[in-house]
Amino acid sequence: MLAATRKQLLLDRLRSDGRIVAKELAAELGLSEDSIRRDLRELDAAGLAVRVYGGALPASPAVADYGVRETVATDSKTRVARRAAQLIEPGSTVILDGGTTALAAVRALDLGRECTIITHSPTVAAALLHHAAEVIILGGRLFKHSAVASGAAAVEAAMTVSADRFLLGVTGVHEDAGLTTGDADEAAMKRTLASRAAETFVLGSAEKIGAASRYRVLTWDAVDGVIVDAEDAAGATTLSALERRGVSVLR
């Protein structure tokens, strides 16, 4: 089997099954395990898969640059954002993550909603300029890829606040890998923000469901629910698996 053919088969299997176990697939196809692992390494390097112990998971398209992400799954993000905005209740204090889905949640929020929103995203803060909400901005080094503050200063600032809820943005929502993102410092900041809120809800637009990125943010027992809009079969399979784990799925 040609290398290009093998790689396409691996990508098709990732889309259909949500994972690849190298040893099992090699036996099924009558190929060497080394060939499968080599192909997976090359797919990982190309950003098309995420290697894990024993195989690989589908790579998330949500790790692209901020400008590109603004054009990905826009309808799904809008639907997730509308549901997320309902969780920002009058009088509540909510930590709102950065990213394009969080920005969509601001656009879905009633201009007159009186609440407090804490964010480390300058784009989210600026979008709230004409809202009734009080806005608290957490500062630090600007991580331009996601347009958020990160690093030690941002973590220290986050430790001074507390909130009723945290609306968490991630790039991957996978039943086995958990909640993931593409940068280690960003993952650490998200964990810190989650620790400052009584409840954490995940913004899970369709392109993130069933996909994974390099760095784990949280495990499933650390979140209170996932807001989703998954329409394809692969997404439905992932969401069914999460519900069997006892994860609350808000459609």
C-alpha atoms as a PDB file:
ATOM      1  CA  MET A   1       0.000   0.000   0.000  1.00  0.00           C
ATOM      2  CA  LEU A   2       1.405   3.407  -0.975  1.00  0.00           C
ATOM      3  CA  ALA A   3       2.193   5.843   1.818  1.00  0.00           C
ATOM      4  CA  ALA A   4      -0.323   8.395   0.507  1.00  0.00           C
ATOM      5  CA  THR A   5      -3.027   5.736   0.418  1.00  0.00           C
ATOM      6  CA  ARG A   6      -2.204   4.629   3.980  1.00  0.00           C
ATOM      7  CA  LYS A   7      -2.367   8.194   5.272  1.00  0.00           C
ATOM      8  CA  GLN A   8      -5.722   8.831   3.658  1.00  0.00           C
ATOM      9  CA  LEU A   9      -7.004   5.598   5.166  1.00  0.00           C
ATOM     10  CA  LEU A  10      -5.750   6.710   8.582  1.00  0.00           C
ATOM     11  CA  LEU A  11      -7.492  10.075   8.245  1.00  0.00           C
ATOM     12  CA  ASP A  12     -10.715   8.363   7.195  1.00  0.00           C
ATOM     13  CA  ARG A  13     -10.483   6.033  10.191  1.00  0.00           C
ATOM     14  CA  LEU A  14      -9.863   8.957  12.541  1.00  0.00           C
ATOM     15  CA  ARG A  15     -12.985  10.677  11.249  1.00  0.00           C
ATOM     16  CA  SER A  16     -15.149   7.568  11.501  1.00  0.00           C
ATOM     17  CA  ASP A  17     -13.850   6.012  14.750  1.00  0.00           C
ATOM     18  CA  GLY A  18     -12.493   9.014  16.628  1.00  0.00           C
ATOM     19  CA  ARG A  19      -9.199   7.245  17.381  1.00  0.00           C
ATOM     20  CA  ILE A  20      -6.582   4.876  16.007  1.00  0.00           C
ATOM     21  CA  VAL A  21      -4.861   2.105  17.939  1.00  0.00           C
ATOM     22  CA  ALA A  22      -1.730   1.452  15.896  1.00  0.00           C
ATOM     23  CA  LYS A  23      -1.303  -2.192  16.873  1.00  0.00           C
ATOM     24  CA  GLU A  24      -4.909  -3.108  16.096  1.00  0.00           C
ATOM     25  CA  LEU A  25      -4.997  -1.262  12.774  1.00  0.00           C
ATOM     26  CA  ALA A  26      -1.702  -2.778  11.653  1.00  0.00           C
ATOM     27  CA  ALA A  27      -3.072  -6.268  12.304  1.00  0.00           C
ATOM     28  CA  GLU A  28      -6.338  -5.460  10.527  1.00  0.00           C
ATOM     29  CA  LEU A  29      -4.591  -4.167   7.401  1.00  0.00           C
ATOM     30  CA  GLY A  30      -1.727  -6.660   7.385  1.00  0.00           C
ATOM     31  CA  LEU A  31       0.822  -3.857   7.683  1.00  0.00           C
ATOM     32  CA  SER A  32       3.746  -3.350  10.024  1.00  0.00           C
ATOM     33  CA  GLU A  33       3.079  -1.394  13.181  1.00  0.00           C
ATOM     34  CA  ASP A  34       6.185   0.688  12.409  1.00  0.00           C
ATOM     35  CA  SER A  35       4.613   1.833   9.122  1.00  0.00           C
ATOM     36  CA  ILE A  36       1.430   2.922  10.900  1.00  0.00           C
ATOM     37  CA  ARG A  37       3.381   4.755  13.597  1.00  0.00           C
ATOM     38  CA  ARG A  38       5.538   6.518  10.998  1.00  0.00           C
ATOM     39  CA  ASP A  39       2.466   7.673   9.129  1.00  0.00           C
ATOM     40  CA  LEU A  40       0.913   8.924  12.362  1.00  0.00           C
ATOM     41  CA  ARG A  41       4.060  10.887  13.197  1.00  0.00           C
ATOM     42  CA  GLU A  42       3.898  12.584   9.790  1.00  0.00           C
ATOM     43  CA  LEU A  43       0.180  13.322  10.151  1.00  0.00           C
ATOM     44  CA  ASP A  44       0.882  14.805  13.601  1.00  0.00           C
ATOM     45  CA  ALA A  45       3.655  16.999  12.174  1.00  0.00           C
ATOM     46  CA  ALA A  46       1.233  18.204   9.492  1.00  0.00           C
ATOM     47  CA  GLY A  47      -1.381  19.089  12.137  1.00  0.00           C
ATOM     48  CA  LEU A  48      -3.814  16.433  10.910  1.00  0.00           C
ATOM     49  CA  ALA A  49      -3.659  14.101  13.929  1.00  0.00           C
ATOM     50  CA  VAL A  50      -2.562  14.169  17.566  1.00  0.00           C
ATOM     51  CA  ARG A  51      -0.329  11.273  18.574  1.00  0.00           C
ATOM     52  CA  VAL A  52      -1.061   9.624  21.904  1.00  0.00           C
ATOM     53  CA  TYR A  53       0.285   6.502  23.548  1.00  0.00           C
ATOM     54  CA  GLY A  54      -0.442   3.574  21.263  1.00  0.00           C
ATOM     55  CA  GLY A  55      -2.015   5.552  18.420  1.00  0.00           C
ATOM     56  CA  ALA A  56      -3.613   8.880  17.557  1.00  0.00           C
ATOM     57  CA  LEU A  57      -6.699  11.093  17.920  1.00  0.00           C
ATOM     58  CA  PRO A  58      -8.285  13.515  15.408  1.00  0.00           C
ATOM     59  CA  ALA A  59      -6.611  16.929  15.414  1.00  0.00           C
ATOM     60  CA  SER A  60      -8.816  19.921  16.121  1.00  0.00           C
ATOM     61  CA  PRO A  61      -9.208  22.594  13.406  1.00  0.00           C
ATOM     62  CA  ALA A  62      -9.744  25.079  16.243  1.00  0.00           C
ATOM     63  CA  VAL A  63      -5.978  25.449  16.813  1.00  0.00           C
ATOM     64  CA  ALA A  64      -5.631  27.658  13.725  1.00  0.00           C
ATOM     65  CA  ASP A  65      -4.770  31.331  14.072  1.00  0.00           C
ATOM     66  CA  TYR A  66      -7.437  33.614  15.505  1.00  0.00           C
ATOM     67  CA  GLY A  67      -8.321  35.167  12.161  1.00  0.00           C
ATOM     68  CA  VAL A  68      -8.831  31.762  10.569  1.00  0.00           C
ATOM     69  CA  ARG A  69     -10.927  30.518  13.487  1.00  0.00           C
ATOM     70  CA  GLU A  70     -13.338  33.403  12.988  1.00  0.00           C
ATOM     71  CA  THR A  71     -14.433  31.703   9.737  1.00  0.00           C
ATOM     72  CA  VAL A  72     -14.729  28.131  11.112  1.00  0.00           C
ATOM     73  CA  ALA A  73     -18.139  26.666  12.130  1.00  0.00           C
ATOM     74  CA  THR A  74     -19.662  30.115  12.521  1.00  0.00           C
ATOM     75  CA  ASP A  75     -23.275  28.908  12.604  1.00  0.00           C
ATOM     76  CA  SER A  76     -22.481  26.303  15.241  1.00  0.00           C
ATOM     77  CA  LYS A  77     -20.614  28.854  17.354  1.00  0.00           C
ATOM     78  CA  THR A  78     -23.599  31.196  17.164  1.00  0.00           C
ATOM     79  CA  ARG A  79     -25.969  28.504  18.445  1.00  0.00           C
ATOM     80  CA  VAL A  80     -23.602  27.511  21.258  1.00  0.00           C
ATOM     81  CA  ALA A  81     -23.116  31.183  22.123  1.00  0.00           C
ATOM     82  CA  ARG A  82     -26.865  31.784  22.452  1.00  0.00           C
ATOM     83  CA  ARG A  83     -27.150  28.935  24.944  1.00  0.00           C
ATOM     84  CA  ALA A  84     -24.057  30.129  26.795  1.00  0.00           C
ATOM     85  CA  ALA A  85     -25.443  33.656  27.103  1.00  0.00           C
ATOM     86  CA  GLN A  86     -28.423  32.204  28.987  1.00  0.00           C
ATOM     87  CA  LEU A  87     -25.983  31.072  31.700  1.00  0.00           C
ATOM     88  CA  ILE A  88     -24.930  34.677  32.312  1.00  0.00           C
ATOM     89  CA  GLU A  89     -27.755  35.489  34.706  1.00  0.00           C
ATOM     90  CA  PRO A  90     -28.705  38.934  36.054  1.00  0.00           C
ATOM     91  CA  GLY A  91     -26.626  39.794  39.104  1.00  0.00           C
ATOM     92  CA  SER A  92     -24.163  36.946  38.549  1.00  0.00           C
ATOM     93  CA  THR A  93     -20.404  37.087  38.186  1.00  0.00           C
ATOM     94  CA  VAL A  94     -19.100  35.111  35.225  1.00  0.00           C
ATOM     95  CA  ILE A  95     -15.581  34.465  33.981  1.00  0.00           C
ATOM     96  CA  LEU A  96     -15.629  34.475  30.187  1.00  0.00           C
ATOM     97  CA  ASP A  97     -12.753  32.837  28.355  1.00  0.00           C
ATOM     98  CA  GLY A  98     -11.213  34.208  25.182  1.00  0.00           C
ATOM     99  CA  GLY A  99     -11.703  32.913  21.657  1.00  0.00           C
ATOM    100  CA  THR A 100     -14.233  33.246  18.883  1.00  0.00           C
ATOM    101  CA  THR A 101     -17.057  31.341  20.599  1.00  0.00           C
ATOM    102  CA  ALA A 102     -16.725  33.471  23.739  1.00  0.00           C
ATOM    103  CA  LEU A 103     -16.866  36.564  21.563  1.00  0.00           C
ATOM    104  CA  ALA A 104     -20.038  35.226  19.958  1.00  0.00           C
ATOM    105  CA  ALA A 105     -21.505  34.765  23.458  1.00  0.00           C
ATOM    106  CA  VAL A 106     -20.976  38.482  24.121  1.00  0.00           C
ATOM    107  CA  ARG A 107     -22.805  39.303  20.892  1.00  0.00           C
ATOM    108  CA  ALA A 108     -25.690  37.077  22.026  1.00  0.00           C
ATOM    109  CA  LEU A 109     -25.865  38.702  25.467  1.00  0.00           C
ATOM    110  CA  ASP A 110     -28.643  41.201  26.163  1.00  0.00           C
ATOM    111  CA  LEU A 111     -27.125  44.706  26.198  1.00  0.00           C
ATOM    112  CA  GLY A 112     -29.106  45.528  29.325  1.00  0.00           C
ATOM    113  CA  ARG A 113     -28.077  42.457  31.341  1.00  0.00           C
ATOM    114  CA  GLU A 114     -26.676  43.706  34.646  1.00  0.00           C
ATOM    115  CA  CYS A 115     -23.932  41.351  35.761  1.00  0.00           C
ATOM    116  CA  THR A 116     -20.169  41.230  36.196  1.00  0.00           C
ATOM    117  CA  ILE A 117     -17.956  39.639  33.556  1.00  0.00           C
ATOM    118  CA  ILE A 118     -14.318  38.845  34.227  1.00  0.00           C
ATOM    119  CA  THR A 119     -12.143  38.107  31.220  1.00  0.00           C
ATOM    120  CA  HIS A 120      -8.496  37.884  30.186  1.00  0.00           C
ATOM    121  CA  SER A 121      -9.439  38.603  26.577  1.00  0.00           C
ATOM    122  CA  PRO A 122      -9.100  42.204  25.345  1.00  0.00           C
ATOM    123  CA  THR A 123     -11.367  41.413  22.380  1.00  0.00           C
ATOM    124  CA  VAL A 124     -14.117  40.124  24.677  1.00  0.00           C
ATOM    125  CA  ALA A 125     -13.691  43.136  26.989  1.00  0.00           C
ATOM    126  CA  ALA A 126     -13.910  45.573  24.071  1.00  0.00           C
ATOM    127  CA  ALA A 127     -17.058  43.849  22.763  1.00  0.00           C
ATOM    128  CA  LEU A 128     -18.705  44.537  26.157  1.00  0.00           C
ATOM    129  CA  LEU A 129     -18.081  48.278  25.946  1.00  0.00           C
ATOM    130  CA  HIS A 130     -21.731  49.172  25.338  1.00  0.00           C
ATOM    131  CA  HIS A 131     -23.243  46.506  27.625  1.00  0.00           C
ATOM    132  CA  ALA A 132     -24.657  47.215  31.067  1.00  0.00           C
ATOM    133  CA  ALA A 133     -22.334  44.558  32.505  1.00  0.00           C
ATOM    134  CA  GLU A 134     -19.443  45.579  34.720  1.00  0.00           C
ATOM    135  CA  VAL A 135     -16.231  44.345  33.111  1.00  0.00           C
ATOM    136  CA  ILE A 136     -13.051  43.292  34.897  1.00  0.00           C
ATOM    137  CA  ILE A 137     -10.001  42.687  32.694  1.00  0.00           C
ATOM    138  CA  LEU A 138      -7.181  40.388  33.812  1.00  0.00           C
ATOM    139  CA  GLY A 139      -3.814  41.427  32.422  1.00  0.00           C
ATOM    140  CA  GLY A 140      -0.588  39.685  31.491  1.00  0.00           C
ATOM    141  CA  ARG A 141       1.485  38.779  28.443  1.00  0.00           C
ATOM    142  CA  LEU A 142      -0.669  38.822  25.315  1.00  0.00           C
ATOM    143  CA  PHE A 143      -0.856  35.427  23.644  1.00  0.00           C
ATOM    144  CA  LYS A 144      -1.639  36.705  20.159  1.00  0.00           C
ATOM    145  CA  HIS A 145      -2.688  33.332  18.752  1.00  0.00           C
ATOM    146  CA  SER A 146      -5.819  33.391  20.930  1.00  0.00           C
ATOM    147  CA  ALA A 147      -5.908  37.114  21.797  1.00  0.00           C
ATOM    148  CA  VAL A 148      -5.780  36.467  25.560  1.00  0.00           C
ATOM    149  CA  ALA A 149      -3.498  37.334  28.458  1.00  0.00           C
ATOM    150  CA  SER A 150      -1.368  34.454  29.679  1.00  0.00           C
ATOM    151  CA  GLY A 151       1.761  33.738  31.689  1.00  0.00           C
ATOM    152  CA  ALA A 152       2.611  34.217  35.358  1.00  0.00           C
ATOM    153  CA  ALA A 153       1.140  37.722  35.662  1.00  0.00           C
ATOM    154  CA  ALA A 154      -2.196  36.621  34.236  1.00  0.00           C
ATOM    155  CA  VAL A 155      -2.349  33.593  36.528  1.00  0.00           C
ATOM    156  CA  GLU A 156      -1.548  35.789  39.537  1.00  0.00           C
ATOM    157  CA  ALA A 157      -4.296  38.237  38.549  1.00  0.00           C
ATOM    158  CA  ALA A 158      -6.785  35.389  38.145  1.00  0.00           C
ATOM    159  CA  MET A 159      -6.095  34.182  41.684  1.00  0.00           C
ATOM    160  CA  THR A 160      -7.565  37.428  43.062  1.00  0.00           C
ATOM    161  CA  VAL A 161     -11.072  36.910  41.629  1.00  0.00           C
ATOM    162  CA  SER A 162     -13.961  34.527  42.142  1.00  0.00           C
ATOM    163  CA  ALA A 163     -17.115  33.880  40.133  1.00  0.00           C
ATOM    164  CA  ASP A 164     -20.346  31.936  39.936  1.00  0.00           C
ATOM    165  CA  ARG A 165     -19.518  30.387  36.560  1.00  0.00           C
ATOM    166  CA  PHE A 166     -16.695  30.025  34.082  1.00  0.00           C
ATOM    167  CA  LEU A 167     -17.501  29.692  30.386  1.00  0.00           C
ATOM    168  CA  LEU A 168     -14.501  27.738  29.125  1.00  0.00           C
ATOM    169  CA  GLY A 169     -13.232  27.683  25.557  1.00  0.00           C
ATOM    170  CA  VAL A 170     -11.168  24.728  24.341  1.00  0.00           C
ATOM    171  CA  THR A 171     -10.012  23.388  20.993  1.00  0.00           C
ATOM    172  CA  GLY A 172     -10.780  19.724  21.664  1.00  0.00           C
ATOM    173  CA  VAL A 173     -13.656  17.842  23.320  1.00  0.00           C
ATOM    174  CA  HIS A 174     -12.831  14.132  23.269  1.00  0.00           C
ATOM    175  CA  GLU A 175     -14.237  11.350  25.426  1.00  0.00           C
ATOM    176  CA  ASP A 176     -10.766   9.926  26.205  1.00  0.00           C
ATOM    177  CA  ALA A 177      -8.437  12.933  25.882  1.00  0.00           C
ATOM    178  CA  GLY A 178     -10.794  15.173  27.840  1.00  0.00           C
ATOM    179  CA  LEU A 179     -10.728  18.923  27.244  1.00  0.00           C
ATOM    180  CA  THR A 180      -7.636  20.110  25.412  1.00  0.00           C
ATOM    181  CA  THR A 181      -5.976  23.121  23.811  1.00  0.00           C
ATOM    182  CA  GLY A 182      -2.896  23.733  21.718  1.00  0.00           C
ATOM    183  CA  ASP A 183      -0.668  25.721  24.116  1.00  0.00           C
ATOM    184  CA  ALA A 184       0.653  24.684  27.531  1.00  0.00           C
ATOM    185  CA  ASP A 185       0.540  28.159  29.102  1.00  0.00           C
ATOM    186  CA  GLU A 186      -2.971  28.742  27.818  1.00  0.00           C
ATOM    187  CA  ALA A 187      -4.060  25.405  29.293  1.00  0.00           C
ATOM    188  CA  ALA A 188      -2.610  26.410  32.663  1.00  0.00           C
ATOM    189  CA  MET A 189      -4.452  29.739  32.572  1.00  0.00           C
ATOM    190  CA  LYS A 190      -7.722  28.002  31.800  1.00  0.00           C
ATOM    191  CA  ARG A 191      -7.219  25.635  34.759  1.00  0.00           C
ATOM    192  CA  THR A 192      -6.595  28.610  37.026  1.00  0.00           C
ATOM    193  CA  LEU A 193      -9.758  30.352  35.837  1.00  0.00           C
ATOM    194  CA  ALA A 194     -11.778  27.174  36.376  1.00  0.00           C
ATOM    195  CA  SER A 195     -10.480  26.987  39.945  1.00  0.00           C
ATOM    196  CA  ARG A 196     -11.899  30.472  40.636  1.00  0.00           C
ATOM    197  CA  ALA A 197     -15.488  29.620  39.662  1.00  0.00           C
ATOM    198  CA  ALA A 198     -18.167  27.574  41.401  1.00  0.00           C
ATOM    199  CA  GLU A 199     -19.202  26.007  38.074  1.00  0.00           C
ATOM    200  CA  THR A 200     -17.475  25.469  34.740  1.00  0.00           C
ATOM    201  CA  PHE A 201     -19.289  25.038  31.430  1.00  0.00           C
ATOM    202  CA  VAL A 202     -17.511  24.236  28.179  1.00  0.00           C
ATOM    203  CA  LEU A 203     -18.232  26.028  24.887  1.00  0.00           C
ATOM    204  CA  GLY A 204     -18.302  23.040  22.521  1.00  0.00           C
ATOM    205  CA  SER A 205     -19.030  24.137  18.947  1.00  0.00           C
ATOM    206  CA  ALA A 206     -19.189  21.379  16.351  1.00  0.00           C
ATOM    207  CA  GLU A 207     -15.605  21.478  15.054  1.00  0.00           C
ATOM    208  CA  LYS A 208     -14.267  20.698  18.546  1.00  0.00           C
ATOM    209  CA  ILE A 209     -16.408  17.643  19.299  1.00  0.00           C
ATOM    210  CA  GLY A 210     -14.470  14.403  18.925  1.00  0.00           C
ATOM    211  CA  ALA A 211     -11.186  16.251  18.303  1.00  0.00           C
ATOM    212  CA  ALA A 212      -8.116  16.693  20.488  1.00  0.00           C
ATOM    213  CA  SER A 213      -5.127  19.005  20.892  1.00  0.00           C
ATOM    214  CA  ARG A 214      -1.753  18.616  22.554  1.00  0.00           C
ATOM    215  CA  TYR A 215      -2.366  19.888  26.099  1.00  0.00           C
ATOM    216  CA  ARG A 216      -5.055  18.800  28.517  1.00  0.00           C
ATOM    217  CA  VAL A 217      -6.998  21.544  30.255  1.00  0.00           C
ATOM    218  CA  LEU A 218      -9.383  19.615  32.514  1.00  0.00           C
ATOM    219  CA  THR A 219     -10.758  16.141  33.032  1.00  0.00           C
ATOM    220  CA  TRP A 220     -14.472  15.460  32.819  1.00  0.00           C
ATOM    221  CA  ASP A 221     -15.020  15.379  36.565  1.00  0.00           C
ATOM    222  CA  ALA A 222     -13.872  19.009  36.781  1.00  0.00           C
ATOM    223  CA  VAL A 223     -16.673  20.480  34.648  1.00  0.00           C
ATOM    224  CA  ASP A 224     -20.404  20.886  35.190  1.00  0.00           C
ATOM    225  CA  GLY A 225     -21.536  20.676  31.595  1.00  0.00           C
ATOM    226  CA  VAL A 226     -20.711  21.009  27.906  1.00  0.00           C
ATOM    227  CA  ILE A 227     -22.747  23.293  25.659  1.00  0.00           C
ATOM    228  CA  VAL A 228     -22.836  21.621  22.252  1.00  0.00           C
ATOM    229  CA  ASP A 229     -24.117  21.840  18.725  1.00  0.00           C
ATOM    230  CA  ALA A 230     -22.934  18.651  17.044  1.00  0.00           C
ATOM    231  CA  GLU A 231     -24.774  17.626  13.926  1.00  0.00           C
ATOM    232  CA  ASP A 232     -22.594  14.945  12.349  1.00  0.00           C
ATOM    233  CA  ALA A 233     -22.433  11.255  13.268  1.00  0.00           C
ATOM    234  CA  ALA A 234     -18.958  11.485  14.756  1.00  0.00           C
ATOM    235  CA  GLY A 235     -20.087  14.272  17.068  1.00  0.00           C
ATOM    236  CA  ALA A 236     -23.176  12.338  18.133  1.00  0.00           C
ATOM    237  CA  THR A 237     -21.009   9.334  19.002  1.00  0.00           C
ATOM    238  CA  THR A 238     -18.756  11.469  21.193  1.00  0.00           C
ATOM    239  CA  LEU A 239     -21.665  13.119  22.971  1.00  0.00           C
ATOM    240  CA  SER A 240     -23.310   9.766  23.675  1.00  0.00           C
ATOM    241  CA  ALA A 241     -20.043   8.576  25.209  1.00  0.00           C
ATOM    242  CA  LEU A 242     -19.872  11.680  27.405  1.00  0.00           C
ATOM    243  CA  GLU A 243     -23.420  11.174  28.632  1.00  0.00           C
ATOM    244  CA  ARG A 244     -22.585   7.579  29.551  1.00  0.00           C
ATOM    245  CA  ARG A 245     -19.739   9.012  31.654  1.00  0.00           C
ATOM    246  CA  GLY A 246     -22.259  11.202  33.446  1.00  0.00           C
ATOM    247  CA  VAL A 247     -21.238  14.454  31.761  1.00  0.00           C
ATOM    248  CA  SER A 248     -24.087  16.952  31.459  1.00  0.00           C
ATOM    249  CA  VAL A 249     -24.607  17.833  27.786  1.00  0.00           C
ATOM    250  CA  LEU A 250     -26.539  21.050  27.100  1.00  0.00           C
ATOM    251  CA  ARG A 251     -27.800  20.992  23.531  1.00  0.00           C
END
